[in-house]
Amino acid sequence: MEKRNLTCIGCPMGCQITVEFDGDNISRVTGNSCAVGDKYARKEVTHPERTVTSTVVVTGGDRERLSVKTKGNIPKDLIFDCMREINRTSVSAPVRIGDVVIHDVCGTGVDVVATRNVGKAG
């Protein structure tokens, strides 16, 4: 049986959670003050996911770079692959918040989207 101590990021409380598990079999979650913490802890020890935020190069825009993020969480073990794909990407202005910059990044089913507007230069 393995134990892992986590700080929950599900809400602002930041509960100190202990998870007891054997592989994917979770026997006990303690320390959480809400159901969000329980769900977070179970997922974190069996299949951790993260949102990725970064920037891409913009051509012909009033800014040189565009802030982007994954529209949802992706598996934590794909973050570096996702960043390689983001770093190879450039977009042409204009771009609007929510525009898809990369569709289905790394085969995750999650898009990378623009998080700000960038107009044309000039």
PDB file of N, CA and C in Angstrom:
ATOM      1  N   MET A   1       0.858  -1.181   0.000  1.00  0.00           N
ATOM      2  CA  MET A   1       0.000   0.000   0.000  1.00  0.00           C
ATOM      3  C   MET A   1       0.894   1.231   0.000  1.00  0.00           C
ATOM      4  N   GLU A   2       0.580   2.158  -0.876  1.00  0.00           N
ATOM      5  CA  GLU A   2       1.339   3.405  -0.993  1.00  0.00           C
ATOM      6  C   GLU A   2       0.493   4.546  -0.454  1.00  0.00           C
ATOM      7  N   LYS A   3       1.160   5.573   0.101  1.00  0.00           N
ATOM      8  CA  LYS A   3       0.489   6.785   0.562  1.00  0.00           C
ATOM      9  C   LYS A   3       1.095   7.972  -0.164  1.00  0.00           C
ATOM     10  N   ARG A   4       0.233   8.899  -0.549  1.00  0.00           N
ATOM     11  CA  ARG A   4       0.728  10.122  -1.168  1.00  0.00           C
ATOM     12  C   ARG A   4       0.004  11.301  -0.529  1.00  0.00           C
ATOM     13  N   ASN A   5       0.789  12.318  -0.153  1.00  0.00           N
ATOM     14  CA  ASN A   5       0.238  13.547   0.397  1.00  0.00           C
ATOM     15  C   ASN A   5       0.158  14.587  -0.707  1.00  0.00           C
ATOM     16  N   LEU A   6      -1.002  15.226  -0.824  1.00  0.00           N
ATOM     17  CA  LEU A   6      -1.252  16.214  -1.871  1.00  0.00           C
ATOM     18  C   LEU A   6      -1.821  17.489  -1.265  1.00  0.00           C
ATOM     19  N   THR A   7      -1.586  18.586  -1.930  1.00  0.00           N
ATOM     20  CA  THR A   7      -2.306  19.812  -1.630  1.00  0.00           C
ATOM     21  C   THR A   7      -3.336  19.979  -2.727  1.00  0.00           C
ATOM     22  N   CYS A   8      -4.601  19.975  -2.341  1.00  0.00           N
ATOM     23  CA  CYS A   8      -5.683  20.044  -3.314  1.00  0.00           C
ATOM     24  C   CYS A   8      -5.682  21.402  -4.021  1.00  0.00           C
ATOM     25  N   ILE A   9      -5.880  21.371  -5.336  1.00  0.00           N
ATOM     26  CA  ILE A   9      -5.986  22.596  -6.140  1.00  0.00           C
ATOM     27  C   ILE A   9      -7.388  22.752  -6.713  1.00  0.00           C
ATOM     28  N   GLY A  10      -8.339  21.976  -6.184  1.00  0.00           N
ATOM     29  CA  GLY A  10      -9.708  21.997  -6.690  1.00  0.00           C
ATOM     30  C   GLY A  10     -10.494  23.238  -6.311  1.00  0.00           C
ATOM     31  N   CYS A  11     -10.110  23.877  -5.203  1.00  0.00           N
ATOM     32  CA  CYS A  11     -10.776  25.101  -4.759  1.00  0.00           C
ATOM     33  C   CYS A  11      -9.775  25.907  -3.927  1.00  0.00           C
ATOM     34  N   PRO A  12     -10.113  27.090  -3.495  1.00  0.00           N
ATOM     35  CA  PRO A  12      -9.162  27.928  -2.748  1.00  0.00           C
ATOM     36  C   PRO A  12      -8.781  27.414  -1.354  1.00  0.00           C
ATOM     37  N   MET A  13      -9.455  26.401  -0.832  1.00  0.00           N
ATOM     38  CA  MET A  13      -9.164  25.897   0.515  1.00  0.00           C
ATOM     39  C   MET A  13      -7.762  25.299   0.630  1.00  0.00           C
ATOM     40  N   GLY A  14      -7.270  24.654  -0.414  1.00  0.00           N
ATOM     41  CA  GLY A  14      -5.934  24.067  -0.393  1.00  0.00           C
ATOM     42  C   GLY A  14      -5.773  22.978   0.645  1.00  0.00           C
ATOM     43  N   CYS A  15      -6.756  22.098   0.754  1.00  0.00           N
ATOM     44  CA  CYS A  15      -6.728  21.025   1.758  1.00  0.00           C
ATOM     45  C   CYS A  15      -5.498  20.138   1.590  1.00  0.00           C
ATOM     46  N   GLN A  16      -4.980  19.673   2.710  1.00  0.00           N
ATOM     47  CA  GLN A  16      -3.883  18.707   2.724  1.00  0.00           C
ATOM     48  C   GLN A  16      -4.505  17.319   2.717  1.00  0.00           C
ATOM     49  N   ILE A  17      -4.372  16.627   1.603  1.00  0.00           N
ATOM     50  CA  ILE A  17      -5.061  15.353   1.398  1.00  0.00           C
ATOM     51  C   ILE A  17      -4.049  14.208   1.411  1.00  0.00           C
ATOM     52  N   THR A  18      -4.448  13.104   2.017  1.00  0.00           N
ATOM     53  CA  THR A  18      -3.658  11.877   1.991  1.00  0.00           C
ATOM     54  C   THR A  18      -4.450  10.827   1.220  1.00  0.00           C
ATOM     55  N   VAL A  19      -3.782  10.190   0.266  1.00  0.00           N
ATOM     56  CA  VAL A  19      -4.406   9.140  -0.537  1.00  0.00           C
ATOM     57  C   VAL A  19      -3.652   7.843  -0.276  1.00  0.00           C
ATOM     58  N   GLU A  20      -4.388   6.815   0.061  1.00  0.00           N
ATOM     59  CA  GLU A  20      -3.812   5.477   0.217  1.00  0.00           C
ATOM     60  C   GLU A  20      -4.272   4.646  -0.972  1.00  0.00           C
ATOM     61  N   PHE A  21      -3.301   4.024  -1.668  1.00  0.00           N
ATOM     62  CA  PHE A  21      -3.646   3.303  -2.889  1.00  0.00           C
ATOM     63  C   PHE A  21      -2.630   2.222  -3.204  1.00  0.00           C
ATOM     64  N   ASP A  22      -3.055   1.308  -4.066  1.00  0.00           N
ATOM     65  CA  ASP A  22      -2.202   0.257  -4.600  1.00  0.00           C
ATOM     66  C   ASP A  22      -2.462   0.226  -6.098  1.00  0.00           C
ATOM     67  N   GLY A  23      -1.544   0.813  -6.875  1.00  0.00           N
ATOM     68  CA  GLY A  23      -1.769   0.951  -8.317  1.00  0.00           C
ATOM     69  C   GLY A  23      -2.918   1.900  -8.563  1.00  0.00           C
ATOM     70  N   ASP A  24      -3.923   1.445  -9.320  1.00  0.00           N
ATOM     71  CA  ASP A  24      -5.111   2.268  -9.583  1.00  0.00           C
ATOM     72  C   ASP A  24      -6.215   2.043  -8.556  1.00  0.00           C
ATOM     73  N   ASN A  25      -5.982   1.152  -7.596  1.00  0.00           N
ATOM     74  CA  ASN A  25      -6.978   0.850  -6.574  1.00  0.00           C
ATOM     75  C   ASN A  25      -6.787   1.772  -5.370  1.00  0.00           C
ATOM     76  N   ILE A  26      -7.692   2.731  -5.213  1.00  0.00           N
ATOM     77  CA  ILE A  26      -7.609   3.687  -4.108  1.00  0.00           C
ATOM     78  C   ILE A  26      -8.454   3.170  -2.959  1.00  0.00           C
ATOM     79  N   SER A  27      -7.817   3.013  -1.807  1.00  0.00           N
ATOM     80  CA  SER A  27      -8.545   2.480  -0.655  1.00  0.00           C
ATOM     81  C   SER A  27      -9.074   3.575   0.258  1.00  0.00           C
ATOM     82  N   ARG A  28      -8.404   4.744   0.284  1.00  0.00           N
ATOM     83  CA  ARG A  28      -8.840   5.783   1.211  1.00  0.00           C
ATOM     84  C   ARG A  28      -8.326   7.157   0.806  1.00  0.00           C
ATOM     85  N   VAL A  29      -9.189   8.157   0.942  1.00  0.00           N
ATOM     86  CA  VAL A  29      -8.822   9.554   0.739  1.00  0.00           C
ATOM     87  C   VAL A  29      -9.252  10.300   1.998  1.00  0.00           C
ATOM     88  N   THR A  30      -8.301  11.003   2.631  1.00  0.00           N
ATOM     89  CA  THR A  30      -8.621  11.747   3.849  1.00  0.00           C
ATOM     90  C   THR A  30      -8.055  13.164   3.766  1.00  0.00           C
ATOM     91  N   GLY A  31      -8.629  14.063   4.549  1.00  0.00           N
ATOM     92  CA  GLY A  31      -8.139  15.436   4.629  1.00  0.00           C
ATOM     93  C   GLY A  31      -8.884  16.425   3.770  1.00  0.00           C
ATOM     94  N   ASN A  32      -9.699  15.933   2.851  1.00  0.00           N
ATOM     95  CA  ASN A  32     -10.457  16.839   1.983  1.00  0.00           C
ATOM     96  C   ASN A  32     -11.698  17.329   2.714  1.00  0.00           C
ATOM     97  N   SER A  33     -12.055  18.589   2.459  1.00  0.00           N
ATOM     98  CA  SER A  33     -13.251  19.142   3.097  1.00  0.00           C
ATOM     99  C   SER A  33     -14.459  19.151   2.169  1.00  0.00           C
ATOM    100  N   CYS A  34     -14.274  18.697   0.933  1.00  0.00           N
ATOM    101  CA  CYS A  34     -15.405  18.654   0.003  1.00  0.00           C
ATOM    102  C   CYS A  34     -15.205  17.533  -1.015  1.00  0.00           C
ATOM    103  N   ALA A  35     -16.236  17.278  -1.794  1.00  0.00           N
ATOM    104  CA  ALA A  35     -16.194  16.224  -2.809  1.00  0.00           C
ATOM    105  C   ALA A  35     -15.211  16.548  -3.928  1.00  0.00           C
ATOM    106  N   VAL A  36     -14.977  17.835  -4.172  1.00  0.00           N
ATOM    107  CA  VAL A  36     -14.020  18.237  -5.212  1.00  0.00           C
ATOM    108  C   VAL A  36     -12.628  17.699  -4.857  1.00  0.00           C
ATOM    109  N   GLY A  37     -12.257  17.797  -3.582  1.00  0.00           N
ATOM    110  CA  GLY A  37     -10.960  17.309  -3.133  1.00  0.00           C
ATOM    111  C   GLY A  37     -10.819  15.811  -3.314  1.00  0.00           C
ATOM    112  N   ASP A  38     -11.869  15.068  -3.017  1.00  0.00           N
ATOM    113  CA  ASP A  38     -11.846  13.623  -3.192  1.00  0.00           C
ATOM    114  C   ASP A  38     -11.639  13.269  -4.665  1.00  0.00           C
ATOM    115  N   LYS A  39     -12.392  13.926  -5.531  1.00  0.00           N
ATOM    116  CA  LYS A  39     -12.280  13.673  -6.979  1.00  0.00           C
ATOM    117  C   LYS A  39     -10.881  14.043  -7.483  1.00  0.00           C
ATOM    118  N   TYR A  40     -10.391  15.211  -7.065  1.00  0.00           N
ATOM    119  CA  TYR A  40      -9.060  15.653  -7.477  1.00  0.00           C
ATOM    120  C   TYR A  40      -7.998  14.638  -7.050  1.00  0.00           C
ATOM    121  N   ALA A  41      -8.031  14.212  -5.789  1.00  0.00           N
ATOM    122  CA  ALA A  41      -7.017  13.301  -5.261  1.00  0.00           C
ATOM    123  C   ALA A  41      -7.009  11.968  -6.004  1.00  0.00           C
ATOM    124  N   ARG A  42      -8.187  11.428  -6.246  1.00  0.00           N
ATOM    125  CA  ARG A  42      -8.274  10.142  -6.957  1.00  0.00           C
ATOM    126  C   ARG A  42      -7.702  10.249  -8.368  1.00  0.00           C
ATOM    127  N   LYS A  43      -8.031  11.328  -9.035  1.00  0.00           N
ATOM    128  CA  LYS A  43      -7.534  11.516 -10.403  1.00  0.00           C
ATOM    129  C   LYS A  43      -6.027  11.803 -10.415  1.00  0.00           C
ATOM    130  N   GLU A  44      -5.559  12.567  -9.441  1.00  0.00           N
ATOM    131  CA  GLU A  44      -4.147  12.957  -9.397  1.00  0.00           C
ATOM    132  C   GLU A  44      -3.219  11.754  -9.220  1.00  0.00           C
ATOM    133  N   VAL A  45      -3.627  10.754  -8.454  1.00  0.00           N
ATOM    134  CA  VAL A  45      -2.740   9.602  -8.252  1.00  0.00           C
ATOM    135  C   VAL A  45      -2.893   8.542  -9.330  1.00  0.00           C
ATOM    136  N   THR A  46      -4.002   8.545 -10.082  1.00  0.00           N
ATOM    137  CA  THR A  46      -4.183   7.520 -11.108  1.00  0.00           C
ATOM    138  C   THR A  46      -3.988   8.036 -12.528  1.00  0.00           C
ATOM    139  N   HIS A  47      -4.386   9.286 -12.789  1.00  0.00           N
ATOM    140  CA  HIS A  47      -4.311   9.825 -14.143  1.00  0.00           C
ATOM    141  C   HIS A  47      -4.211  11.355 -14.071  1.00  0.00           C
ATOM    142  N   PRO A  48      -3.055  11.874 -13.659  1.00  0.00           N
ATOM    143  CA  PRO A  48      -2.931  13.325 -13.508  1.00  0.00           C
ATOM    144  C   PRO A  48      -3.044  14.062 -14.842  1.00  0.00           C
ATOM    145  N   GLU A  49      -3.715  15.203 -14.792  1.00  0.00           N
ATOM    146  CA  GLU A  49      -3.899  16.036 -15.969  1.00  0.00           C
ATOM    147  C   GLU A  49      -3.602  17.485 -15.614  1.00  0.00           C
ATOM    148  N   ARG A  50      -3.272  18.268 -16.639  1.00  0.00           N
ATOM    149  CA  ARG A  50      -2.978  19.683 -16.447  1.00  0.00           C
ATOM    150  C   ARG A  50      -3.471  20.486 -17.644  1.00  0.00           C
ATOM    151  N   THR A  51      -3.723  21.771 -17.397  1.00  0.00           N
ATOM    152  CA  THR A  51      -3.946  22.742 -18.463  1.00  0.00           C
ATOM    153  C   THR A  51      -2.580  23.318 -18.813  1.00  0.00           C
ATOM    154  N   VAL A  52      -2.307  23.489 -20.089  1.00  0.00           N
ATOM    155  CA  VAL A  52      -1.029  24.049 -20.538  1.00  0.00           C
ATOM    156  C   VAL A  52      -1.272  25.458 -21.061  1.00  0.00           C
ATOM    157  N   THR A  53      -0.459  26.402 -20.615  1.00  0.00           N
ATOM    158  CA  THR A  53      -0.513  27.769 -21.125  1.00  0.00           C
ATOM    159  C   THR A  53       0.845  28.128 -21.705  1.00  0.00           C
ATOM    160  N   SER A  54       0.840  28.880 -22.798  1.00  0.00           N
ATOM    161  CA  SER A  54       2.089  29.251 -23.448  1.00  0.00           C
ATOM    162  C   SER A  54       1.814  30.407 -24.420  1.00  0.00           C
ATOM    163  N   THR A  55       2.731  30.587 -25.372  1.00  0.00           N
ATOM    164  CA  THR A  55       2.553  31.572 -26.436  1.00  0.00           C
ATOM    165  C   THR A  55       3.010  30.971 -27.758  1.00  0.00           C
ATOM    166  N   VAL A  56       2.479  31.534 -28.852  1.00  0.00           N
ATOM    167  CA  VAL A  56       2.934  31.169 -30.198  1.00  0.00           C
ATOM    168  C   VAL A  56       3.287  32.450 -30.946  1.00  0.00           C
ATOM    169  N   VAL A  57       4.093  32.300 -31.976  1.00  0.00           N
ATOM    170  CA  VAL A  57       4.519  33.430 -32.814  1.00  0.00           C
ATOM    171  C   VAL A  57       3.347  33.881 -33.687  1.00  0.00           C
ATOM    172  N   VAL A  58       3.220  35.199 -33.825  1.00  0.00           N
ATOM    173  CA  VAL A  58       2.198  35.790 -34.695  1.00  0.00           C
ATOM    174  C   VAL A  58       2.910  36.495 -35.847  1.00  0.00           C
ATOM    175  N   THR A  59       2.472  36.234 -37.080  1.00  0.00           N
ATOM    176  CA  THR A  59       2.994  36.970 -38.232  1.00  0.00           C
ATOM    177  C   THR A  59       1.948  37.983 -38.665  1.00  0.00           C
ATOM    178  N   GLY A  60       2.436  39.192 -38.998  1.00  0.00           N
ATOM    179  CA  GLY A  60       1.560  40.240 -39.481  1.00  0.00           C
ATOM    180  C   GLY A  60       0.643  40.832 -38.433  1.00  0.00           C
ATOM    181  N   GLY A  61       1.015  40.685 -37.167  1.00  0.00           N
ATOM    182  CA  GLY A  61       0.144  41.170 -36.109  1.00  0.00           C
ATOM    183  C   GLY A  61       0.665  42.408 -35.406  1.00  0.00           C
ATOM    184  N   ASP A  62      -0.194  43.019 -34.595  1.00  0.00           N
ATOM    185  CA  ASP A  62       0.222  44.173 -33.798  1.00  0.00           C
ATOM    186  C   ASP A  62       0.958  43.736 -32.529  1.00  0.00           C
ATOM    187  N   ARG A  63       1.138  42.438 -32.373  1.00  0.00           N
ATOM    188  CA  ARG A  63       1.959  41.840 -31.309  1.00  0.00           C
ATOM    189  C   ARG A  63       2.772  40.717 -31.935  1.00  0.00           C
ATOM    190  N   GLU A  64       3.917  40.435 -31.330  1.00  0.00           N
ATOM    191  CA  GLU A  64       4.783  39.380 -31.866  1.00  0.00           C
ATOM    192  C   GLU A  64       4.367  37.995 -31.422  1.00  0.00           C
ATOM    193  N   ARG A  65       3.684  37.899 -30.264  1.00  0.00           N
ATOM    194  CA  ARG A  65       3.295  36.606 -29.731  1.00  0.00           C
ATOM    195  C   ARG A  65       1.844  36.633 -29.275  1.00  0.00           C
ATOM    196  N   LEU A  66       1.243  35.453 -29.296  1.00  0.00           N
ATOM    197  CA  LEU A  66      -0.147  35.265 -28.906  1.00  0.00           C
ATOM    198  C   LEU A  66      -0.197  34.300 -27.729  1.00  0.00           C
ATOM    199  N   SER A  67      -0.883  34.683 -26.656  1.00  0.00           N
ATOM    200  CA  SER A  67      -1.046  33.756 -25.534  1.00  0.00           C
ATOM    201  C   SER A  67      -2.094  32.710 -25.902  1.00  0.00           C
ATOM    202  N   VAL A  68      -1.791  31.464 -25.518  1.00  0.00           N
ATOM    203  CA  VAL A  68      -2.667  30.326 -25.824  1.00  0.00           C
ATOM    204  C   VAL A  68      -2.759  29.419 -24.609  1.00  0.00           C
ATOM    205  N   LYS A  69      -3.780  28.556 -24.617  1.00  0.00           N
ATOM    206  CA  LYS A  69      -3.896  27.531 -23.584  1.00  0.00           C
ATOM    207  C   LYS A  69      -4.681  26.366 -24.127  1.00  0.00           C
ATOM    208  N   THR A  70      -4.507  25.218 -23.482  1.00  0.00           N
ATOM    209  CA  THR A  70      -5.335  24.081 -23.853  1.00  0.00           C
ATOM    210  C   THR A  70      -6.745  24.364 -23.360  1.00  0.00           C
ATOM    211  N   LYS A  71      -7.731  24.004 -24.155  1.00  0.00           N
ATOM    212  CA  LYS A  71      -9.121  24.289 -23.814  1.00  0.00           C
ATOM    213  C   LYS A  71      -9.592  23.439 -22.638  1.00  0.00           C
ATOM    214  N   GLY A  72      -8.899  22.368 -22.391  1.00  0.00           N
ATOM    215  CA  GLY A  72      -9.179  21.486 -21.260  1.00  0.00           C
ATOM    216  C   GLY A  72      -7.878  20.882 -20.779  1.00  0.00           C
ATOM    217  N   ASN A  73      -7.971  20.002 -19.829  1.00  0.00           N
ATOM    218  CA  ASN A  73      -6.778  19.328 -19.314  1.00  0.00           C
ATOM    219  C   ASN A  73      -6.294  18.267 -20.286  1.00  0.00           C
ATOM    220  N   ILE A  74      -4.977  18.054 -20.274  1.00  0.00           N
ATOM    221  CA  ILE A  74      -4.367  16.960 -21.037  1.00  0.00           C
ATOM    222  C   ILE A  74      -3.587  16.097 -20.062  1.00  0.00           C
ATOM    223  N   PRO A  75      -3.309  14.830 -20.415  1.00  0.00           N
ATOM    224  CA  PRO A  75      -2.514  13.995 -19.522  1.00  0.00           C
ATOM    225  C   PRO A  75      -1.165  14.642 -19.223  1.00  0.00           C
ATOM    226  N   LYS A  76      -0.782  14.601 -17.959  1.00  0.00           N
ATOM    227  CA  LYS A  76       0.458  15.247 -17.514  1.00  0.00           C
ATOM    228  C   LYS A  76       1.676  14.736 -18.273  1.00  0.00           C
ATOM    229  N   ASP A  77       1.670  13.462 -18.627  1.00  0.00           N
ATOM    230  CA  ASP A  77       2.835  12.904 -19.323  1.00  0.00           C
ATOM    231  C   ASP A  77       2.936  13.356 -20.787  1.00  0.00           C
ATOM    232  N   LEU A  78       1.960  14.116 -21.273  1.00  0.00           N
ATOM    233  CA  LEU A  78       2.024  14.649 -22.645  1.00  0.00           C
ATOM    234  C   LEU A  78       2.367  16.131 -22.695  1.00  0.00           C
ATOM    235  N   ILE A  79       2.661  16.737 -21.542  1.00  0.00           N
ATOM    236  CA  ILE A  79       2.935  18.179 -21.514  1.00  0.00           C
ATOM    237  C   ILE A  79       4.113  18.552 -22.409  1.00  0.00           C
ATOM    238  N   PHE A  80       5.211  17.827 -22.336  1.00  0.00           N
ATOM    239  CA  PHE A  80       6.384  18.181 -23.144  1.00  0.00           C
ATOM    240  C   PHE A  80       6.105  17.995 -24.635  1.00  0.00           C
ATOM    241  N   ASP A  81       5.360  16.956 -25.005  1.00  0.00           N
ATOM    242  CA  ASP A  81       4.976  16.765 -26.406  1.00  0.00           C
ATOM    243  C   ASP A  81       4.076  17.911 -26.862  1.00  0.00           C
ATOM    244  N   CYS A  82       3.144  18.305 -26.009  1.00  0.00           N
ATOM    245  CA  CYS A  82       2.259  19.428 -26.308  1.00  0.00           C
ATOM    246  C   CYS A  82       3.066  20.705 -26.523  1.00  0.00           C
ATOM    247  N   MET A  83       4.034  20.963 -25.652  1.00  0.00           N
ATOM    248  CA  MET A  83       4.859  22.167 -25.784  1.00  0.00           C
ATOM    249  C   MET A  83       5.687  22.144 -27.070  1.00  0.00           C
ATOM    250  N   ARG A  84       6.178  20.980 -27.465  1.00  0.00           N
ATOM    251  CA  ARG A  84       6.910  20.894 -28.738  1.00  0.00           C
ATOM    252  C   ARG A  84       5.999  21.296 -29.894  1.00  0.00           C
ATOM    253  N   GLU A  85       4.754  20.834 -29.860  1.00  0.00           N
ATOM    254  CA  GLU A  85       3.804  21.179 -30.922  1.00  0.00           C
ATOM    255  C   GLU A  85       3.479  22.680 -30.892  1.00  0.00           C
ATOM    256  N   ILE A  86       3.283  23.225 -29.701  1.00  0.00           N
ATOM    257  CA  ILE A  86       3.015  24.664 -29.563  1.00  0.00           C
ATOM    258  C   ILE A  86       4.199  25.475 -30.072  1.00  0.00           C
ATOM    259  N   ASN A  87       5.408  25.067 -29.715  1.00  0.00           N
ATOM    260  CA  ASN A  87       6.607  25.811 -30.122  1.00  0.00           C
ATOM    261  C   ASN A  87       6.839  25.789 -31.631  1.00  0.00           C
ATOM    262  N   ARG A  88       6.303  24.798 -32.333  1.00  0.00           N
ATOM    263  CA  ARG A  88       6.436  24.713 -33.795  1.00  0.00           C
ATOM    264  C   ARG A  88       5.345  25.503 -34.519  1.00  0.00           C
ATOM    265  N   THR A  89       4.400  26.049 -33.773  1.00  0.00           N
ATOM    266  CA  THR A  89       3.214  26.669 -34.364  1.00  0.00           C
ATOM    267  C   THR A  89       3.362  28.180 -34.482  1.00  0.00           C
ATOM    268  N   SER A  90       2.858  28.728 -35.570  1.00  0.00           N
ATOM    269  CA  SER A  90       2.722  30.184 -35.708  1.00  0.00           C
ATOM    270  C   SER A  90       1.359  30.444 -36.328  1.00  0.00           C
ATOM    271  N   VAL A  91       0.845  31.640 -36.100  1.00  0.00           N
ATOM    272  CA  VAL A  91      -0.460  32.030 -36.635  1.00  0.00           C
ATOM    273  C   VAL A  91      -0.325  33.359 -37.353  1.00  0.00           C
ATOM    274  N   SER A  92      -1.256  33.620 -38.240  1.00  0.00           N
ATOM    275  CA  SER A  92      -1.303  34.899 -38.937  1.00  0.00           C
ATOM    276  C   SER A  92      -2.426  35.743 -38.339  1.00  0.00           C
ATOM    277  N   ALA A  93      -2.142  37.021 -38.164  1.00  0.00           N
ATOM    278  CA  ALA A  93      -3.144  37.952 -37.630  1.00  0.00           C
ATOM    279  C   ALA A  93      -4.188  38.221 -38.706  1.00  0.00           C
ATOM    280  N   PRO A  94      -5.402  38.527 -38.334  1.00  0.00           N
ATOM    281  CA  PRO A  94      -5.895  38.722 -36.975  1.00  0.00           C
ATOM    282  C   PRO A  94      -6.307  37.403 -36.316  1.00  0.00           C
ATOM    283  N   VAL A  95      -6.283  37.416 -34.986  1.00  0.00           N
ATOM    284  CA  VAL A  95      -6.688  36.259 -34.185  1.00  0.00           C
ATOM    285  C   VAL A  95      -7.623  36.766 -33.093  1.00  0.00           C
ATOM    286  N   ARG A  96      -8.653  36.002 -32.785  1.00  0.00           N
ATOM    287  CA  ARG A  96      -9.623  36.372 -31.750  1.00  0.00           C
ATOM    288  C   ARG A  96      -9.587  35.366 -30.601  1.00  0.00           C
ATOM    289  N   ILE A  97      -9.903  35.843 -29.419  1.00  0.00           N
ATOM    290  CA  ILE A  97      -9.994  34.963 -28.255  1.00  0.00           C
ATOM    291  C   ILE A  97     -10.895  33.785 -28.595  1.00  0.00           C
ATOM    292  N   GLY A  98     -10.417  32.595 -28.279  1.00  0.00           N
ATOM    293  CA  GLY A  98     -11.194  31.377 -28.527  1.00  0.00           C
ATOM    294  C   GLY A  98     -10.905  30.713 -29.850  1.00  0.00           C
ATOM    295  N   ASP A  99     -10.213  31.421 -30.777  1.00  0.00           N
ATOM    296  CA  ASP A  99      -9.849  30.780 -32.049  1.00  0.00           C
ATOM    297  C   ASP A  99      -8.987  29.555 -31.775  1.00  0.00           C
ATOM    298  N   VAL A 100      -9.241  28.477 -32.504  1.00  0.00           N
ATOM    299  CA  VAL A 100      -8.436  27.261 -32.360  1.00  0.00           C
ATOM    300  C   VAL A 100      -7.111  27.472 -33.075  1.00  0.00           C
ATOM    301  N   VAL A 101      -6.027  27.324 -32.332  1.00  0.00           N
ATOM    302  CA  VAL A 101      -4.677  27.478 -32.867  1.00  0.00           C
ATOM    303  C   VAL A 101      -4.111  26.113 -33.260  1.00  0.00           C
ATOM    304  N   ILE A 102      -4.369  25.102 -32.445  1.00  0.00           N
ATOM    305  CA  ILE A 102      -3.984  23.718 -32.751  1.00  0.00           C
ATOM    306  C   ILE A 102      -5.188  22.846 -32.427  1.00  0.00           C
ATOM    307  N   HIS A 103      -5.658  22.109 -33.403  1.00  0.00           N
ATOM    308  CA  HIS A 103      -6.780  21.193 -33.191  1.00  0.00           C
ATOM    309  C   HIS A 103      -6.258  19.853 -32.666  1.00  0.00           C
ATOM    310  N   ASP A 104      -6.885  19.323 -31.639  1.00  0.00           N
ATOM    311  CA  ASP A 104      -6.589  17.979 -31.127  1.00  0.00           C
ATOM    312  C   ASP A 104      -5.105  17.792 -30.831  1.00  0.00           C
ATOM    313  N   VAL A 105      -4.549  18.644 -29.990  1.00  0.00           N
ATOM    314  CA  VAL A 105      -3.118  18.608 -29.690  1.00  0.00           C
ATOM    315  C   VAL A 105      -2.693  17.223 -29.195  1.00  0.00           C
ATOM    316  N   CYS A 106      -1.690  16.673 -29.812  1.00  0.00           N
ATOM    317  CA  CYS A 106      -1.101  15.373 -29.439  1.00  0.00           C
ATOM    318  C   CYS A 106      -2.124  14.244 -29.392  1.00  0.00           C
ATOM    319  N   GLY A 107      -3.194  14.349 -30.168  1.00  0.00           N
ATOM    320  CA  GLY A 107      -4.205  13.301 -30.192  1.00  0.00           C
ATOM    321  C   GLY A 107      -5.017  13.189 -28.909  1.00  0.00           C
ATOM    322  N   THR A 108      -5.060  14.247 -28.126  1.00  0.00           N
ATOM    323  CA  THR A 108      -5.772  14.226 -26.841  1.00  0.00           C
ATOM    324  C   THR A 108      -7.254  14.536 -26.965  1.00  0.00           C
ATOM    325  N   GLY A 109      -7.660  15.077 -28.124  1.00  0.00           N
ATOM    326  CA  GLY A 109      -9.033  15.533 -28.269  1.00  0.00           C
ATOM    327  C   GLY A 109      -9.235  16.943 -27.740  1.00  0.00           C
ATOM    328  N   VAL A 110      -8.158  17.569 -27.256  1.00  0.00           N
ATOM    329  CA  VAL A 110      -8.213  18.907 -26.675  1.00  0.00           C
ATOM    330  C   VAL A 110      -7.549  19.888 -27.637  1.00  0.00           C
ATOM    331  N   ASP A 111      -8.224  21.008 -27.884  1.00  0.00           N
ATOM    332  CA  ASP A 111      -7.672  22.047 -28.747  1.00  0.00           C
ATOM    333  C   ASP A 111      -6.841  23.038 -27.948  1.00  0.00           C
ATOM    334  N   VAL A 112      -5.882  23.673 -28.627  1.00  0.00           N
ATOM    335  CA  VAL A 112      -5.159  24.817 -28.062  1.00  0.00           C
ATOM    336  C   VAL A 112      -5.819  26.053 -28.665  1.00  0.00           C
ATOM    337  N   VAL A 113      -6.226  26.986 -27.796  1.00  0.00           N
ATOM    338  CA  VAL A 113      -6.980  28.159 -28.250  1.00  0.00           C
ATOM    339  C   VAL A 113      -6.290  29.461 -27.856  1.00  0.00           C
ATOM    340  N   ALA A 114      -6.609  30.518 -28.599  1.00  0.00           N
ATOM    341  CA  ALA A 114      -6.103  31.852 -28.313  1.00  0.00           C
ATOM    342  C   ALA A 114      -6.767  32.391 -27.043  1.00  0.00           C
ATOM    343  N   THR A 115      -5.981  33.107 -26.236  1.00  0.00           N
ATOM    344  CA  THR A 115      -6.536  33.687 -25.009  1.00  0.00           C
ATOM    345  C   THR A 115      -6.534  35.212 -25.029  1.00  0.00           C
ATOM    346  N   ARG A 116      -6.226  35.779 -26.194  1.00  0.00           N
ATOM    347  CA  ARG A 116      -6.329  37.235 -26.363  1.00  0.00           C
ATOM    348  C   ARG A 116      -6.530  37.553 -27.842  1.00  0.00           C
ATOM    349  N   ASN A 117      -6.947  38.745 -28.111  1.00  0.00           N
ATOM    350  CA  ASN A 117      -7.105  39.213 -29.485  1.00  0.00           C
ATOM    351  C   ASN A 117      -5.782  39.801 -29.965  1.00  0.00           C
ATOM    352  N   VAL A 118      -5.455  39.541 -31.218  1.00  0.00           N
ATOM    353  CA  VAL A 118      -4.293  40.173 -31.862  1.00  0.00           C
ATOM    354  C   VAL A 118      -4.771  40.680 -33.218  1.00  0.00           C
ATOM    355  N   GLY A 119      -4.629  41.983 -33.413  1.00  0.00           N
ATOM    356  CA  GLY A 119      -5.037  42.586 -34.668  1.00  0.00           C
ATOM    357  C   GLY A 119      -3.912  42.581 -35.685  1.00  0.00           C
ATOM    358  N   LYS A 120      -4.238  43.026 -36.888  1.00  0.00           N
ATOM    359  CA  LYS A 120      -3.230  43.162 -37.947  1.00  0.00           C
ATOM    360  C   LYS A 120      -2.336  44.339 -37.636  1.00  0.00           C
ATOM    361  N   ALA A 121      -1.078  44.215 -38.051  1.00  0.00           N
ATOM    362  CA  ALA A 121      -0.107  45.308 -37.853  1.00  0.00           C
ATOM    363  C   ALA A 121      -0.481  46.488 -38.736  1.00  0.00           C
ATOM    364  N   GLY A 122      -0.136  47.665 -38.218  1.00  0.00           N
ATOM    365  CA  GLY A 122      -0.237  48.814 -39.088  1.00  0.00           C
ATOM    366  C   GLY A 122      -1.301  49.710 -38.785  1.00  0.00           C
TER     367      GLY A 122
END
